[in-house]
């Protein structure tokens, strides 16, 4: 019998019955804007992001010229936040920000004076943290709604930046079941009315048959799967996204941050109540949402596995 920890790790966003679709936003303090909860994981994710930026940079980073001011504001806000709330990991002096070394991480330094550094400010900002960064700009003469004007997306969850770049919120979320009927209006209203410099967070979850941080949607789970109730714990990972939203004062742009948490299914069942909650969450997903989350092929097998605990 497994010895179960008494508390669950953070971010297990399983809906309680009945199923409902909502933004699920909670206000968080400045000190919780960026999550650094495991230094080993931080080292691995920063190294993985660096590798992808070096090898497929143009797939990961894109920016419309109109997003430059918001990107500069993003970089400055992030530097101020990181050196204030994470002084053991970051320092800023003489136009350079230093990511201090720790176990598994050699450290790194970046020039932050944009007159001396030709890198785009959002591209630079994304190198500082595990989170991916997305800048949404408000509607204008060409764009009818909030639109994706810049992004650094190293670790997508079954989507890619090229497909969403310069699209508005409605088009970006077109594949999401029930978005048009249930979330379109409240989302756009919240974006319009969102106060500046307050931070809001939300989480979502999915099950993946690969532990890769970068999953750009090019290899969906096949309908015919070898996953069953006996091997589900070994073959699947719970992937949780923690997203934050912050409206920037100078431009009115909204900055999204996206942080990935990956848990082997065989490990999360050790935490009290998590297996039951996940099983219930899968059971109440409408067919359209199961198809979108790509759980349909193995849903019954996973529930059978989870219900053992």
Protein backbone atom coordinates (compact mmCIF):
# COMPACT_ATOMS: atom_id res chain seq x y z
CA UNK A 1 0.00 0.00 0.00
CA UNK A 2 1.29 3.47 -0.90
CA UNK A 3 1.93 5.94 1.87
CA UNK A 4 -0.02 9.01 0.87
CA UNK A 5 1.07 12.55 1.74
CA UNK A 6 -1.60 14.42 3.70
CA UNK A 7 -1.66 17.43 1.39
CA UNK A 8 -1.87 17.74 -2.37
CA UNK A 9 0.66 19.74 -4.37
CA UNK A 10 -0.57 23.04 -5.80
CA UNK A 11 -2.79 23.29 -8.86
CA UNK A 12 -5.12 20.37 -9.23
CA UNK A 13 -7.94 22.24 -10.99
CA UNK A 14 -10.57 19.54 -11.26
CA UNK A 15 -14.11 20.79 -11.58
CA UNK A 16 -16.64 19.71 -9.00
CA UNK A 17 -19.83 18.22 -10.46
CA UNK A 18 -21.77 19.39 -12.36
CA UNK A 19 -19.40 20.37 -15.16
CA UNK A 20 -19.24 24.11 -15.80
CA UNK A 21 -17.13 26.27 -18.05
CA UNK A 22 -15.81 29.45 -16.44
CA UNK A 23 -12.78 31.72 -16.41
CA UNK A 24 -12.01 30.66 -12.83
CA UNK A 25 -9.91 33.72 -12.04
CA UNK A 26 -8.41 34.45 -8.63
CA UNK A 27 -6.54 37.61 -7.68
CA UNK A 28 -2.95 36.99 -6.58
CA UNK A 29 -0.34 39.30 -5.00
CA UNK A 30 2.77 40.55 -6.81
CA UNK A 31 4.87 38.10 -4.84
CA UNK A 32 3.03 35.19 -6.48
CA UNK A 33 3.24 36.46 -10.07
CA UNK A 34 5.97 33.96 -11.00
CA UNK A 35 6.20 30.51 -9.49
CA UNK A 36 9.51 29.08 -8.36
CA UNK A 37 8.64 26.07 -6.27
CA UNK A 38 11.32 23.54 -7.25
CA UNK A 39 14.86 24.58 -8.16
CA UNK A 40 15.63 21.30 -9.91
CA UNK A 41 12.56 21.70 -12.08
CA UNK A 42 13.48 25.35 -12.69
CA UNK A 43 16.92 24.36 -13.94
CA UNK A 44 15.46 21.73 -16.28
CA UNK A 45 12.78 24.04 -17.71
CA UNK A 46 15.16 26.96 -18.25
CA UNK A 47 17.61 24.64 -20.01
CA UNK A 48 14.85 23.20 -22.19
CA UNK A 49 13.60 26.66 -23.11
CA UNK A 50 17.13 27.79 -23.97
CA UNK A 51 17.56 24.75 -26.22
CA UNK A 52 14.33 25.43 -28.11
CA UNK A 53 15.05 29.13 -28.49
CA UNK A 54 18.39 28.27 -30.04
CA UNK A 55 17.05 25.62 -32.41
CA UNK A 56 13.54 26.76 -33.43
CA UNK A 57 13.47 30.40 -32.36
CA UNK A 58 11.16 31.55 -35.15
CA UNK A 59 8.54 28.99 -34.15
CA UNK A 60 8.66 30.10 -30.52
CA UNK A 61 8.95 33.89 -30.70
CA UNK A 62 6.85 36.29 -32.78
CA UNK A 63 6.05 39.98 -32.31
CA UNK A 64 4.05 42.56 -34.19
CA UNK A 65 5.76 45.99 -34.19
CA UNK A 66 2.77 47.47 -32.37
CA UNK A 67 3.60 45.32 -29.33
CA UNK A 68 7.03 46.89 -28.74
CA UNK A 69 5.99 49.36 -26.02
CA UNK A 70 4.03 46.70 -24.15
CA UNK A 71 7.02 44.36 -24.43
CA UNK A 72 9.37 46.98 -22.95
CA UNK A 73 6.92 47.53 -20.09
CA UNK A 74 6.74 43.77 -19.57
CA UNK A 75 10.51 43.44 -19.32
CA UNK A 76 10.82 46.32 -16.85
CA UNK A 77 7.96 45.04 -14.68
CA UNK A 78 9.38 41.55 -14.61
CA UNK A 79 12.88 42.67 -13.66
CA UNK A 80 11.53 44.79 -10.82
CA UNK A 81 9.37 41.92 -9.59
CA UNK A 82 12.04 39.22 -9.78
CA UNK A 83 14.77 41.15 -7.98
CA UNK A 84 12.27 42.20 -5.29
CA UNK A 85 10.65 38.85 -4.54
CA UNK A 86 13.40 36.43 -5.61
CA UNK A 87 16.64 38.15 -4.51
CA UNK A 88 18.35 34.79 -3.94
CA UNK A 89 17.89 33.97 -7.62
CA UNK A 90 18.07 37.36 -9.39
CA UNK A 91 20.09 40.57 -9.20
CA UNK A 92 20.18 43.63 -11.46
CA UNK A 93 23.19 45.93 -11.71
CA UNK A 94 24.95 47.98 -14.38
CA UNK A 95 22.37 47.32 -17.10
CA UNK A 96 22.48 43.56 -16.60
CA UNK A 97 20.23 41.06 -14.88
CA UNK A 98 21.92 38.03 -13.38
CA UNK A 99 20.22 34.69 -12.90
CA UNK A 100 22.22 33.37 -9.98
CA UNK A 101 23.55 29.80 -10.04
CA UNK A 102 22.07 27.04 -7.93
CA UNK A 103 22.17 23.25 -7.97
CA UNK A 104 21.71 22.08 -11.56
CA UNK A 105 21.89 25.62 -12.97
CA UNK A 106 25.12 27.40 -13.86
CA UNK A 107 23.56 30.85 -13.91
CA UNK A 108 23.22 33.33 -16.73
CA UNK A 109 23.45 37.07 -17.35
CA UNK A 110 21.64 39.29 -19.85
CA UNK A 111 22.15 42.91 -20.88
CA UNK A 112 18.93 44.79 -20.15
CA UNK A 113 19.86 48.13 -21.72
CA UNK A 114 17.94 47.88 -24.99
CA UNK A 115 20.30 50.41 -26.62
CA UNK A 116 23.13 47.93 -26.12
CA UNK A 117 21.14 44.75 -26.65
CA UNK A 118 19.41 44.13 -29.99
CA UNK A 119 17.18 41.34 -28.68
CA UNK A 120 13.45 42.07 -28.59
CA UNK A 121 12.41 42.95 -25.01
CA UNK A 122 9.75 40.22 -24.83
CA UNK A 123 12.21 37.68 -26.19
CA UNK A 124 14.61 38.70 -23.41
CA UNK A 125 11.91 38.70 -20.74
CA UNK A 126 10.95 35.12 -21.58
CA UNK A 127 14.54 33.94 -21.02
CA UNK A 128 14.34 35.02 -17.37
CA UNK A 129 11.57 32.70 -16.21
CA UNK A 130 10.04 29.27 -16.73
CA UNK A 131 6.79 30.85 -17.89
CA UNK A 132 5.84 31.48 -21.50
CA UNK A 133 4.66 35.03 -22.26
CA UNK A 134 1.82 36.25 -24.47
CA UNK A 135 0.91 39.91 -25.13
CA UNK A 136 -2.68 40.73 -26.10
CA UNK A 137 -3.48 44.19 -27.45
CA UNK A 138 -6.91 45.87 -27.34
CA UNK A 139 -9.14 46.24 -30.42
CA UNK A 140 -8.20 48.75 -33.11
CA UNK A 141 -9.29 49.68 -36.64
CA UNK A 142 -7.92 46.41 -38.04
CA UNK A 143 -8.68 44.11 -35.11
CA UNK A 144 -12.27 43.75 -33.90
CA UNK A 145 -11.30 42.24 -30.56
CA UNK A 146 -8.36 41.64 -28.23
CA UNK A 147 -5.63 40.08 -30.33
CA UNK A 148 -2.36 38.20 -29.91
CA UNK A 149 0.33 40.73 -30.83
CA UNK A 150 3.46 39.04 -29.44
CA UNK A 151 4.48 35.85 -27.76
CA UNK A 152 7.26 33.58 -26.59
CA UNK A 153 5.79 30.09 -26.45
CA UNK A 154 8.33 27.35 -25.78
CA UNK A 155 5.99 24.96 -23.98
CA UNK A 156 2.58 24.95 -25.68
CA UNK A 157 -0.14 22.47 -24.76
CA UNK A 158 -1.31 21.15 -28.14
CA UNK A 159 -1.21 24.45 -30.03
CA UNK A 160 1.41 26.58 -31.71
CA UNK A 161 2.09 30.27 -31.95
CA UNK A 162 2.10 30.45 -35.75
CA UNK A 163 -1.55 29.40 -35.87
CA UNK A 164 -2.67 32.02 -33.31
CA UNK A 165 -0.37 34.98 -34.04
CA UNK A 166 -2.28 38.19 -34.88
CA UNK A 167 -5.64 36.48 -34.33
CA UNK A 168 -8.30 37.83 -31.98
CA UNK A 169 -9.61 36.08 -28.89
CA UNK A 170 -12.69 34.70 -30.61
CA UNK A 171 -10.67 33.12 -33.41
CA UNK A 172 -8.01 31.83 -31.01
CA UNK A 173 -10.63 30.05 -28.93
CA UNK A 174 -12.81 28.87 -31.81
CA UNK A 175 -11.83 25.19 -31.22
CA UNK A 176 -12.77 25.37 -27.51
CA UNK A 177 -16.16 23.72 -26.91
CA UNK A 178 -18.86 26.06 -25.58
CA UNK A 179 -16.54 29.10 -25.68
CA UNK A 180 -18.77 31.07 -28.06
CA UNK A 181 -21.93 30.50 -26.02
CA UNK A 182 -20.58 30.54 -22.47
CA UNK A 183 -17.25 32.37 -22.29
CA UNK A 184 -16.96 34.79 -25.20
CA UNK A 185 -18.94 37.66 -23.69
CA UNK A 186 -17.67 37.42 -20.07
CA UNK A 187 -14.08 37.05 -21.28
CA UNK A 188 -14.18 40.09 -23.53
CA UNK A 189 -16.01 42.12 -20.87
CA UNK A 190 -13.40 41.19 -18.27
CA UNK A 191 -10.55 42.14 -20.58
CA UNK A 192 -12.17 45.51 -21.28
CA UNK A 193 -12.83 46.27 -17.61
CA UNK A 194 -9.77 44.65 -16.05
CA UNK A 195 -7.95 47.06 -13.70
CA UNK A 196 -4.32 47.87 -14.47
CA UNK A 197 -1.48 46.18 -12.59
CA UNK A 198 -3.66 43.74 -10.68
CA UNK A 199 -2.74 40.10 -11.25
CA UNK A 200 -5.27 37.34 -11.80
CA UNK A 201 -4.54 33.62 -12.05
CA UNK A 202 -6.34 30.59 -13.38
CA UNK A 203 -5.47 26.95 -14.03
CA UNK A 204 -6.52 24.21 -16.42
CA UNK A 205 -5.61 20.56 -16.84
CA UNK A 206 -5.19 17.86 -19.46
CA UNK A 207 -3.81 14.32 -19.70
CA UNK A 208 -0.91 13.60 -22.05
CA UNK A 209 0.75 10.43 -23.23
CA UNK A 210 4.15 12.13 -23.43
CA UNK A 211 6.08 14.06 -20.75
CA UNK A 212 7.48 16.58 -23.25
CA UNK A 213 7.22 20.20 -22.19
CA UNK A 214 6.76 21.29 -25.80
CA UNK A 215 3.60 19.79 -27.29
CA UNK A 216 2.65 21.84 -30.33
CA UNK A 217 -0.29 19.72 -31.43
CA UNK A 218 1.49 17.97 -34.29
CA UNK A 219 1.25 14.57 -32.59
CA UNK A 220 -2.26 14.13 -31.16
CA UNK A 221 -3.21 11.04 -29.16
CA UNK A 222 -4.43 8.37 -31.57
CA UNK A 223 -7.98 7.03 -31.34
CA UNK A 224 -6.58 3.51 -31.10
CA UNK A 225 -4.42 3.58 -28.01
CA UNK A 226 -2.52 0.93 -26.08
CA UNK A 227 -3.29 2.69 -22.79
CA UNK A 228 -5.36 0.54 -20.45
CA UNK A 229 -6.29 0.33 -16.77
CA UNK A 230 -3.10 -1.57 -15.95
CA UNK A 231 -0.55 0.71 -17.62
CA UNK A 232 -2.30 4.12 -17.38
CA UNK A 233 -0.17 5.16 -14.41
CA UNK A 234 3.01 4.54 -16.38
CA UNK A 235 1.80 5.93 -19.72
CA UNK A 236 0.06 9.19 -18.80
CA UNK A 237 1.01 12.54 -17.29
CA UNK A 238 -1.22 15.16 -15.75
CA UNK A 239 -0.37 18.51 -17.33
CA UNK A 240 -1.52 21.61 -15.46
CA UNK A 241 -1.22 25.14 -16.82
CA UNK A 242 -1.11 28.02 -14.39
CA UNK A 243 -1.91 31.21 -16.28
CA UNK A 244 -1.73 34.78 -14.99
CA UNK A 245 -3.19 37.92 -16.55
CA UNK A 246 -1.99 41.46 -15.93
CA UNK A 247 -3.09 44.63 -17.71
CA UNK A 248 -0.22 47.06 -18.30
CA UNK A 249 -0.72 50.74 -17.47
CA UNK A 250 1.08 52.42 -20.33
CA UNK A 251 -0.50 50.56 -23.23
CA UNK A 252 -3.55 48.82 -21.81
CA UNK A 253 -2.11 45.56 -23.15
CA UNK A 254 -2.74 42.33 -21.25
CA UNK A 255 0.22 40.10 -20.45
CA UNK A 256 -0.42 36.37 -20.09
CA UNK A 257 2.09 34.14 -18.36
CA UNK A 258 1.81 30.36 -18.74
CA UNK A 259 3.64 27.97 -16.41
CA UNK A 260 3.58 24.21 -16.99
CA UNK A 261 3.42 21.64 -14.17
CA UNK A 262 3.84 17.98 -15.19
CA UNK A 263 3.01 15.06 -12.91
CA UNK A 264 3.24 11.33 -13.74
CA UNK A 265 -0.20 9.85 -13.19
CA UNK A 266 1.34 7.11 -11.02
CA UNK A 267 2.66 9.79 -8.65
CA UNK A 268 -0.41 11.99 -8.24
CA UNK A 269 -2.55 9.07 -7.08
CA UNK A 270 -0.40 9.03 -3.92
CA UNK A 271 -1.96 12.28 -2.81
CA UNK A 272 -5.09 12.03 -0.73
CA UNK A 273 -8.30 12.45 -2.71
CA UNK A 274 -6.66 13.38 -6.01
CA UNK A 275 -7.41 10.11 -7.82
CA UNK A 276 -11.09 10.35 -6.91
CA UNK A 277 -11.32 14.01 -7.94
CA UNK A 278 -9.64 13.37 -11.29
CA UNK A 279 -11.83 10.34 -11.97
CA UNK A 280 -14.95 12.40 -11.28
CA UNK A 281 -13.66 15.25 -13.43
CA UNK A 282 -13.15 12.90 -16.38
CA UNK A 283 -16.59 11.32 -15.88
CA UNK A 284 -18.47 14.63 -16.13
CA UNK A 285 -16.68 16.00 -19.19
CA UNK A 286 -19.12 16.49 -22.08
CA UNK A 287 -18.21 14.52 -25.23
CA UNK A 288 -17.12 17.72 -26.98
CA UNK A 289 -14.72 18.57 -24.16
CA UNK A 290 -13.39 15.01 -24.03
CA UNK A 291 -12.60 15.28 -27.73
CA UNK A 292 -10.93 18.68 -27.23
CA UNK A 293 -8.86 17.44 -24.27
CA UNK A 294 -8.11 14.22 -26.20
CA UNK A 295 -9.19 11.99 -23.32
CA UNK A 296 -11.90 10.06 -25.17
CA UNK A 297 -9.63 7.22 -26.32
CA UNK A 298 -8.60 6.21 -22.80
CA UNK A 299 -11.16 7.83 -20.48
CA UNK A 300 -12.75 4.61 -19.25
CA UNK A 301 -9.36 2.92 -18.75
CA UNK A 302 -8.01 5.88 -16.77
CA UNK A 303 -11.08 5.99 -14.55
CA UNK A 304 -10.75 2.26 -13.88
CA UNK A 305 -7.12 2.84 -12.91
CA UNK A 306 -7.89 5.86 -10.72
CA UNK A 307 -10.80 4.17 -8.94
CA UNK A 308 -8.38 1.66 -7.41
CA UNK A 309 -7.06 4.35 -5.08
